[in-house]
Amino acid sequence: MKVHPAPKTLQRLPHVFDKVLQLPFHSDTNVSVEETSESFLFTATAAGDMINQNVRAHAIEMYPGVTKVVVRRTGGGDFLLDEMELDLWRFRLPATTRPEMASARCCAGELVVIVPKGVISL
């Protein structure tokens, strides 16, 4: 007879953030980050197959309360750097941001991502 331990409630790990922006670049890429009272503005030089693409920001709920914003082609599909790329550029977004309203565009060889801020309701 096998004895199984009582089920445990999973807890979120302290290194997992509520909101994260992930860009399709290596982690050492230079990305300009500007904060205004209304939003965060991220700008990076587009490369390769991204330059002439229409792009869109997608907010993905990874787990209840954990959201990741990624940039994808408008027609669908991710930008692949390598076959299994794990070393991607990421930025922890503050609680005041609204990832579901994020936008992205490629213009003049630059990727521009805007993540608006909103009011926190208590």
C-alpha atoms as a PDB file:
ATOM      1  CA  MET A   1       0.000   0.000   0.000  1.00  0.00           C
ATOM      2  CA  LYS A   2       1.400   3.387  -1.017  1.00  0.00           C
ATOM      3  CA  VAL A   3       0.946   6.403   1.187  1.00  0.00           C
ATOM      4  CA  HIS A   4       0.791   9.779  -0.574  1.00  0.00           C
ATOM      5  CA  PRO A   5       1.530  13.011   1.255  1.00  0.00           C
ATOM      6  CA  ALA A   6      -1.306  15.457   1.776  1.00  0.00           C
ATOM      7  CA  PRO A   7      -1.661  17.892  -1.153  1.00  0.00           C
ATOM      8  CA  LYS A   8       0.017  21.250  -0.578  1.00  0.00           C
ATOM      9  CA  THR A   9      -1.128  24.645  -1.762  1.00  0.00           C
ATOM     10  CA  LEU A  10       1.288  26.010  -4.325  1.00  0.00           C
ATOM     11  CA  GLN A  11       2.753  29.384  -3.526  1.00  0.00           C
ATOM     12  CA  ARG A  12       4.193  31.824  -5.996  1.00  0.00           C
ATOM     13  CA  LEU A  13       7.970  32.042  -5.888  1.00  0.00           C
ATOM     14  CA  PRO A  14       9.424  35.418  -4.844  1.00  0.00           C
ATOM     15  CA  HIS A  15      11.364  35.779  -8.131  1.00  0.00           C
ATOM     16  CA  VAL A  16       8.188  35.543 -10.242  1.00  0.00           C
ATOM     17  CA  PHE A  17       6.808  39.039 -10.866  1.00  0.00           C
ATOM     18  CA  ASP A  18       3.180  40.002 -11.422  1.00  0.00           C
ATOM     19  CA  LYS A  19       3.814  41.840 -14.703  1.00  0.00           C
ATOM     20  CA  VAL A  20       6.734  41.454 -17.112  1.00  0.00           C
ATOM     21  CA  LEU A  21       7.559  42.797 -20.578  1.00  0.00           C
ATOM     22  CA  GLN A  22       9.545  40.356 -22.724  1.00  0.00           C
ATOM     23  CA  LEU A  23      11.102  41.570 -25.962  1.00  0.00           C
ATOM     24  CA  PRO A  24      12.356  39.288 -28.771  1.00  0.00           C
ATOM     25  CA  PHE A  25      15.990  40.303 -28.175  1.00  0.00           C
ATOM     26  CA  HIS A  26      18.881  38.828 -26.215  1.00  0.00           C
ATOM     27  CA  SER A  27      19.111  40.032 -22.612  1.00  0.00           C
ATOM     28  CA  ASP A  28      22.202  42.154 -23.324  1.00  0.00           C
ATOM     29  CA  THR A  29      20.443  44.254 -26.019  1.00  0.00           C
ATOM     30  CA  ASN A  30      20.405  48.015 -25.452  1.00  0.00           C
ATOM     31  CA  VAL A  31      16.814  49.076 -24.875  1.00  0.00           C
ATOM     32  CA  SER A  32      15.865  52.652 -24.047  1.00  0.00           C
ATOM     33  CA  VAL A  33      13.320  52.838 -21.225  1.00  0.00           C
ATOM     34  CA  GLU A  34      11.470  56.106 -20.620  1.00  0.00           C
ATOM     35  CA  GLU A  35       8.836  56.634 -17.952  1.00  0.00           C
ATOM     36  CA  THR A  36       6.198  59.357 -18.134  1.00  0.00           C
ATOM     37  CA  SER A  37       3.214  59.979 -15.908  1.00  0.00           C
ATOM     38  CA  GLU A  38       1.025  58.081 -18.422  1.00  0.00           C
ATOM     39  CA  SER A  39       3.220  55.199 -19.625  1.00  0.00           C
ATOM     40  CA  PHE A  40       6.506  53.370 -20.075  1.00  0.00           C
ATOM     41  CA  LEU A  41       8.132  53.669 -23.517  1.00  0.00           C
ATOM     42  CA  PHE A  42      10.618  50.990 -24.650  1.00  0.00           C
ATOM     43  CA  THR A  43      12.708  51.546 -27.805  1.00  0.00           C
ATOM     44  CA  ALA A  44      15.246  49.166 -29.383  1.00  0.00           C
ATOM     45  CA  THR A  45      16.856  48.749 -32.781  1.00  0.00           C
ATOM     46  CA  ALA A  46      14.922  46.155 -34.760  1.00  0.00           C
ATOM     47  CA  ALA A  47      16.978  43.507 -36.514  1.00  0.00           C
ATOM     48  CA  GLY A  48      16.604  40.697 -39.006  1.00  0.00           C
ATOM     49  CA  ASP A  49      13.110  39.677 -39.998  1.00  0.00           C
ATOM     50  CA  MET A  50      11.516  42.147 -37.569  1.00  0.00           C
ATOM     51  CA  ILE A  51      12.410  45.307 -39.537  1.00  0.00           C
ATOM     52  CA  ASN A  52       9.672  45.073 -42.170  1.00  0.00           C
ATOM     53  CA  GLN A  53       7.003  43.387 -40.043  1.00  0.00           C
ATOM     54  CA  ASN A  54       3.772  44.637 -38.564  1.00  0.00           C
ATOM     55  CA  VAL A  55       3.912  43.792 -34.874  1.00  0.00           C
ATOM     56  CA  ARG A  56       1.554  43.760 -31.934  1.00  0.00           C
ATOM     57  CA  ALA A  57       1.904  43.540 -28.150  1.00  0.00           C
ATOM     58  CA  HIS A  58       0.073  40.616 -26.533  1.00  0.00           C
ATOM     59  CA  ALA A  59      -0.671  40.360 -22.819  1.00  0.00           C
ATOM     60  CA  ILE A  60      -0.620  36.698 -21.810  1.00  0.00           C
ATOM     61  CA  GLU A  61      -1.888  35.550 -18.418  1.00  0.00           C
ATOM     62  CA  MET A  62       0.707  32.938 -17.488  1.00  0.00           C
ATOM     63  CA  TYR A  63      -0.990  32.113 -14.209  1.00  0.00           C
ATOM     64  CA  PRO A  64      -3.772  33.947 -12.326  1.00  0.00           C
ATOM     65  CA  GLY A  65      -2.247  37.286 -11.360  1.00  0.00           C
ATOM     66  CA  VAL A  66       0.929  36.799 -13.466  1.00  0.00           C
ATOM     67  CA  THR A  67       0.934  38.565 -16.851  1.00  0.00           C
ATOM     68  CA  LYS A  68       3.651  38.668 -19.515  1.00  0.00           C
ATOM     69  CA  VAL A  69       3.617  41.097 -22.451  1.00  0.00           C
ATOM     70  CA  VAL A  70       5.250  39.708 -25.608  1.00  0.00           C
ATOM     71  CA  VAL A  71       5.725  41.137 -29.104  1.00  0.00           C
ATOM     72  CA  ARG A  72       4.467  39.045 -32.022  1.00  0.00           C
ATOM     73  CA  ARG A  73       3.850  39.447 -35.719  1.00  0.00           C
ATOM     74  CA  THR A  74       0.407  40.894 -36.471  1.00  0.00           C
ATOM     75  CA  GLY A  75      -0.478  37.813 -38.535  1.00  0.00           C
ATOM     76  CA  GLY A  76       0.608  35.585 -35.658  1.00  0.00           C
ATOM     77  CA  GLY A  77       3.811  33.864 -34.699  1.00  0.00           C
ATOM     78  CA  ASP A  78       6.759  34.628 -32.488  1.00  0.00           C
ATOM     79  CA  PHE A  79      10.119  35.995 -33.559  1.00  0.00           C
ATOM     80  CA  LEU A  80      12.602  33.162 -33.136  1.00  0.00           C
ATOM     81  CA  LEU A  81      16.134  34.103 -32.155  1.00  0.00           C
ATOM     82  CA  ASP A  82      17.383  30.577 -31.676  1.00  0.00           C
ATOM     83  CA  GLU A  83      15.639  27.254 -31.461  1.00  0.00           C
ATOM     84  CA  MET A  84      15.232  27.352 -27.670  1.00  0.00           C
ATOM     85  CA  GLU A  85      16.013  30.913 -26.634  1.00  0.00           C
ATOM     86  CA  LEU A  86      15.816  31.469 -22.885  1.00  0.00           C
ATOM     87  CA  ASP A  87      18.122  34.483 -22.545  1.00  0.00           C
ATOM     88  CA  LEU A  88      15.575  37.131 -23.584  1.00  0.00           C
ATOM     89  CA  TRP A  89      15.311  40.804 -22.651  1.00  0.00           C
ATOM     90  CA  ARG A  90      12.823  41.225 -19.787  1.00  0.00           C
ATOM     91  CA  PHE A  91      11.631  44.151 -17.690  1.00  0.00           C
ATOM     92  CA  ARG A  92       9.608  43.963 -14.489  1.00  0.00           C
ATOM     93  CA  LEU A  93       6.553  46.198 -14.914  1.00  0.00           C
ATOM     94  CA  PRO A  94       5.258  48.080 -11.867  1.00  0.00           C
ATOM     95  CA  ALA A  95       1.792  47.364 -10.470  1.00  0.00           C
ATOM     96  CA  THR A  96       0.546  50.669 -11.928  1.00  0.00           C
ATOM     97  CA  THR A  97       0.917  49.453 -15.535  1.00  0.00           C
ATOM     98  CA  ARG A  98      -1.880  48.135 -17.767  1.00  0.00           C
ATOM     99  CA  PRO A  99      -0.286  45.309 -19.803  1.00  0.00           C
ATOM    100  CA  GLU A 100      -3.581  44.494 -21.532  1.00  0.00           C
ATOM    101  CA  MET A 101      -3.413  47.937 -23.179  1.00  0.00           C
ATOM    102  CA  ALA A 102       0.224  47.659 -24.374  1.00  0.00           C
ATOM    103  CA  SER A 103       1.003  48.484 -28.001  1.00  0.00           C
ATOM    104  CA  ALA A 104       3.966  47.825 -30.293  1.00  0.00           C
ATOM    105  CA  ARG A 105       5.160  48.971 -33.710  1.00  0.00           C
ATOM    106  CA  CYS A 106       8.233  48.838 -35.927  1.00  0.00           C
ATOM    107  CA  CYS A 107       9.080  52.220 -37.393  1.00  0.00           C
ATOM    108  CA  ALA A 108      12.279  53.396 -39.116  1.00  0.00           C
ATOM    109  CA  GLY A 109      14.187  50.300 -37.989  1.00  0.00           C
ATOM    110  CA  GLU A 110      13.149  50.596 -34.345  1.00  0.00           C
ATOM    111  CA  LEU A 111      10.801  48.521 -32.230  1.00  0.00           C
ATOM    112  CA  VAL A 112       8.691  50.764 -29.992  1.00  0.00           C
ATOM    113  CA  VAL A 113       6.558  49.308 -27.193  1.00  0.00           C
ATOM    114  CA  ILE A 114       4.272  51.449 -25.032  1.00  0.00           C
ATOM    115  CA  VAL A 115       2.806  50.118 -21.790  1.00  0.00           C
ATOM    116  CA  PRO A 116       0.232  52.549 -20.331  1.00  0.00           C
ATOM    117  CA  LYS A 117      -0.191  53.196 -16.641  1.00  0.00           C
ATOM    118  CA  GLY A 118      -3.514  53.182 -14.856  1.00  0.00           C
ATOM    119  CA  VAL A 119      -5.079  53.794 -11.489  1.00  0.00           C
ATOM    120  CA  ILE A 120      -4.614  51.105  -8.842  1.00  0.00           C
ATOM    121  CA  SER A 121      -7.874  50.237  -7.122  1.00  0.00           C
ATOM    122  CA  LEU A 122      -7.585  49.086  -3.535  1.00  0.00           C
END
